[in-house]
Amino acid sequence: MKLTQWLLTLGLTGLLSGCILESDDDADVQYQKCSAPDANSKLYDYLQDWYFWYPDLPTDFNPSSYETVKTAMADIRDNIDKDRFSFALTSQEYEDYQASILHQPKRKMA
């Protein structure tokens, strides 16, 4: 279960950082590069390919309806009863999390 969460977090982080790359030329709708709708559209495309419950994804997803990837992911998750685990992190939240588990201060021995 933790592996699934970690992989989803890693995938979403990669997705978010992917906005520095050129966007797909074959997409039906083009949004301003690195805008919230662009990131949300990439999130939805990613979920269609890799999300465990991809058959349950909403068919009427509108990337422009969400201000952030976090709110888009939360709305998708909240509408799929089986999914209690998916979430999105900002880059800073991800870095803080990694620092908290990888760089814990050493305890002094008494």
C-alpha atoms as a PDB file:
ATOM      1  CA  MET A   1       0.000   0.000   0.000  1.00  0.00           C
ATOM      2  CA  LYS A   2       2.812   2.412   0.857  1.00  0.00           C
ATOM      3  CA  LEU A   3       4.517   1.434  -2.379  1.00  0.00           C
ATOM      4  CA  THR A   4       1.394   2.389  -4.335  1.00  0.00           C
ATOM      5  CA  GLN A   5       1.211   5.751  -2.577  1.00  0.00           C
ATOM      6  CA  TRP A   6       4.897   6.364  -3.161  1.00  0.00           C
ATOM      7  CA  LEU A   7       4.642   5.471  -6.848  1.00  0.00           C
ATOM      8  CA  LEU A   8       1.596   7.698  -7.325  1.00  0.00           C
ATOM      9  CA  THR A   9       3.355  10.550  -5.540  1.00  0.00           C
ATOM     10  CA  LEU A  10       6.445  10.064  -7.656  1.00  0.00           C
ATOM     11  CA  GLY A  11       4.368   9.930 -10.824  1.00  0.00           C
ATOM     12  CA  LEU A  12       2.420  13.058  -9.959  1.00  0.00           C
ATOM     13  CA  THR A  13       5.616  14.890  -9.062  1.00  0.00           C
ATOM     14  CA  GLY A  14       7.068  13.911 -12.416  1.00  0.00           C
ATOM     15  CA  LEU A  15       3.870  15.004 -14.090  1.00  0.00           C
ATOM     16  CA  LEU A  16       3.990  18.398 -12.425  1.00  0.00           C
ATOM     17  CA  SER A  17       7.628  18.906 -13.258  1.00  0.00           C
ATOM     18  CA  GLY A  18       6.849  17.870 -16.835  1.00  0.00           C
ATOM     19  CA  CYS A  19       5.364  21.257 -17.597  1.00  0.00           C
ATOM     20  CA  ILE A  20       8.857  22.537 -18.332  1.00  0.00           C
ATOM     21  CA  LEU A  21       8.903  20.219 -21.328  1.00  0.00           C
ATOM     22  CA  GLU A  22       7.066  20.979 -24.515  1.00  0.00           C
ATOM     23  CA  SER A  23       3.404  20.052 -24.431  1.00  0.00           C
ATOM     24  CA  ASP A  24       1.920  17.410 -26.734  1.00  0.00           C
ATOM     25  CA  ASP A  25       1.135  18.729 -30.205  1.00  0.00           C
ATOM     26  CA  ASP A  26      -1.604  16.155 -30.786  1.00  0.00           C
ATOM     27  CA  ALA A  27      -3.773  17.142 -27.828  1.00  0.00           C
ATOM     28  CA  ASP A  28      -7.325  18.181 -28.681  1.00  0.00           C
ATOM     29  CA  VAL A  29      -7.308  21.297 -26.530  1.00  0.00           C
ATOM     30  CA  GLN A  30      -4.204  23.386 -25.939  1.00  0.00           C
ATOM     31  CA  TYR A  31      -3.834  25.327 -22.714  1.00  0.00           C
ATOM     32  CA  GLN A  32      -1.201  27.872 -21.909  1.00  0.00           C
ATOM     33  CA  LYS A  33       1.977  25.986 -21.084  1.00  0.00           C
ATOM     34  CA  CYS A  34       2.354  25.314 -17.328  1.00  0.00           C
ATOM     35  CA  SER A  35      -1.037  26.840 -16.534  1.00  0.00           C
ATOM     36  CA  ALA A  36      -3.347  25.146 -14.036  1.00  0.00           C
ATOM     37  CA  PRO A  37      -5.616  23.763 -16.804  1.00  0.00           C
ATOM     38  CA  ASP A  38      -2.539  22.435 -18.627  1.00  0.00           C
ATOM     39  CA  ALA A  39      -1.305  20.649 -15.494  1.00  0.00           C
ATOM     40  CA  ASN A  40      -4.808  19.329 -14.760  1.00  0.00           C
ATOM     41  CA  SER A  41      -5.121  18.042 -18.322  1.00  0.00           C
ATOM     42  CA  LYS A  42      -1.781  16.242 -17.970  1.00  0.00           C
ATOM     43  CA  LEU A  43      -2.961  14.800 -14.640  1.00  0.00           C
ATOM     44  CA  TYR A  44      -6.100  13.404 -16.269  1.00  0.00           C
ATOM     45  CA  ASP A  45      -4.098  11.957 -19.185  1.00  0.00           C
ATOM     46  CA  TYR A  46      -1.700  10.357 -16.712  1.00  0.00           C
ATOM     47  CA  LEU A  47      -4.570   8.879 -14.701  1.00  0.00           C
ATOM     48  CA  GLN A  48      -6.155   7.422 -17.837  1.00  0.00           C
ATOM     49  CA  ASP A  49      -2.922   5.504 -18.451  1.00  0.00           C
ATOM     50  CA  TRP A  50      -1.798   4.537 -14.935  1.00  0.00           C
ATOM     51  CA  TYR A  51      -4.619   4.982 -12.406  1.00  0.00           C
ATOM     52  CA  PHE A  52      -5.798   1.698 -10.865  1.00  0.00           C
ATOM     53  CA  TRP A  53      -9.446   2.757 -11.121  1.00  0.00           C
ATOM     54  CA  TYR A  54      -9.127   4.350 -14.582  1.00  0.00           C
ATOM     55  CA  PRO A  55     -12.452   2.845 -15.751  1.00  0.00           C
ATOM     56  CA  ASP A  56     -14.174   4.880 -13.023  1.00  0.00           C
ATOM     57  CA  LEU A  57     -12.666   8.232 -14.049  1.00  0.00           C
ATOM     58  CA  PRO A  58     -15.247  10.900 -14.820  1.00  0.00           C
ATOM     59  CA  THR A  59     -15.872  11.307 -18.529  1.00  0.00           C
ATOM     60  CA  ASP A  60     -16.815  14.967 -18.129  1.00  0.00           C
ATOM     61  CA  PHE A  61     -13.535  16.133 -16.522  1.00  0.00           C
ATOM     62  CA  ASN A  62     -12.896  19.815 -17.258  1.00  0.00           C
ATOM     63  CA  PRO A  63      -9.288  20.865 -16.514  1.00  0.00           C
ATOM     64  CA  SER A  64     -10.310  24.535 -16.362  1.00  0.00           C
ATOM     65  CA  SER A  65     -12.605  23.870 -13.406  1.00  0.00           C
ATOM     66  CA  TYR A  66      -9.751  23.430 -10.922  1.00  0.00           C
ATOM     67  CA  GLU A  67      -7.216  25.938  -9.669  1.00  0.00           C
ATOM     68  CA  THR A  68      -4.574  23.329  -8.816  1.00  0.00           C
ATOM     69  CA  VAL A  69      -3.654  19.714  -9.479  1.00  0.00           C
ATOM     70  CA  LYS A  70      -4.284  19.049  -5.784  1.00  0.00           C
ATOM     71  CA  THR A  71      -7.918  20.132  -6.041  1.00  0.00           C
ATOM     72  CA  ALA A  72      -8.402  18.218  -9.293  1.00  0.00           C
ATOM     73  CA  MET A  73      -6.959  15.028  -7.770  1.00  0.00           C
ATOM     74  CA  ALA A  74      -9.000  15.467  -4.586  1.00  0.00           C
ATOM     75  CA  ASP A  75     -12.207  15.872  -6.600  1.00  0.00           C
ATOM     76  CA  ILE A  76     -11.459  12.813  -8.723  1.00  0.00           C
ATOM     77  CA  ARG A  77     -10.620  10.761  -5.631  1.00  0.00           C
ATOM     78  CA  ASP A  78     -13.722  11.928  -3.774  1.00  0.00           C
ATOM     79  CA  ASN A  79     -15.921  10.785  -6.655  1.00  0.00           C
ATOM     80  CA  ILE A  80     -14.454   7.278  -6.749  1.00  0.00           C
ATOM     81  CA  ASP A  81     -15.639   5.366  -3.694  1.00  0.00           C
ATOM     82  CA  LYS A  82     -12.877   2.743  -3.910  1.00  0.00           C
ATOM     83  CA  ASP A  83     -10.028   5.263  -3.806  1.00  0.00           C
ATOM     84  CA  ARG A  84      -9.047   6.494  -0.367  1.00  0.00           C
ATOM     85  CA  PHE A  85      -5.335   6.763  -1.021  1.00  0.00           C
ATOM     86  CA  SER A  86      -4.567   8.999  -4.007  1.00  0.00           C
ATOM     87  CA  PHE A  87      -3.334  12.522  -3.444  1.00  0.00           C
ATOM     88  CA  ALA A  88      -1.122  15.173  -4.976  1.00  0.00           C
ATOM     89  CA  LEU A  89       1.714  17.159  -3.426  1.00  0.00           C
ATOM     90  CA  THR A  90       3.341  20.395  -4.434  1.00  0.00           C
ATOM     91  CA  SER A  91       7.053  20.167  -5.152  1.00  0.00           C
ATOM     92  CA  GLN A  92       7.781  21.855  -1.826  1.00  0.00           C
ATOM     93  CA  GLU A  93       5.545  19.437   0.082  1.00  0.00           C
ATOM     94  CA  TYR A  94       7.264  16.511  -1.624  1.00  0.00           C
ATOM     95  CA  GLU A  95      10.733  17.855  -0.807  1.00  0.00           C
ATOM     96  CA  ASP A  96       9.716  18.490   2.809  1.00  0.00           C
ATOM     97  CA  TYR A  97       8.360  14.958   3.072  1.00  0.00           C
ATOM     98  CA  GLN A  98      11.512  13.459   1.606  1.00  0.00           C
ATOM     99  CA  ALA A  99      13.667  15.515   3.957  1.00  0.00           C
ATOM    100  CA  SER A 100      11.594  14.417   6.940  1.00  0.00           C
ATOM    101  CA  ILE A 101      12.069  10.712   6.251  1.00  0.00           C
ATOM    102  CA  LEU A 102      15.569  10.708   4.779  1.00  0.00           C
ATOM    103  CA  HIS A 103      17.376  13.330   6.815  1.00  0.00           C
ATOM    104  CA  GLN A 104      16.238  12.838  10.346  1.00  0.00           C
ATOM    105  CA  PRO A 105      18.603  14.246  12.941  1.00  0.00           C
ATOM    106  CA  LYS A 106      20.689  11.706  14.786  1.00  0.00           C
ATOM    107  CA  ARG A 107      19.723  11.002  18.363  1.00  0.00           C
ATOM    108  CA  LYS A 108      22.261  11.517  21.061  1.00  0.00           C
ATOM    109  CA  MET A 109      23.028   8.454  23.062  1.00  0.00           C
ATOM    110  CA  ALA A 110      22.552   8.846  26.773  1.00  0.00           C
END
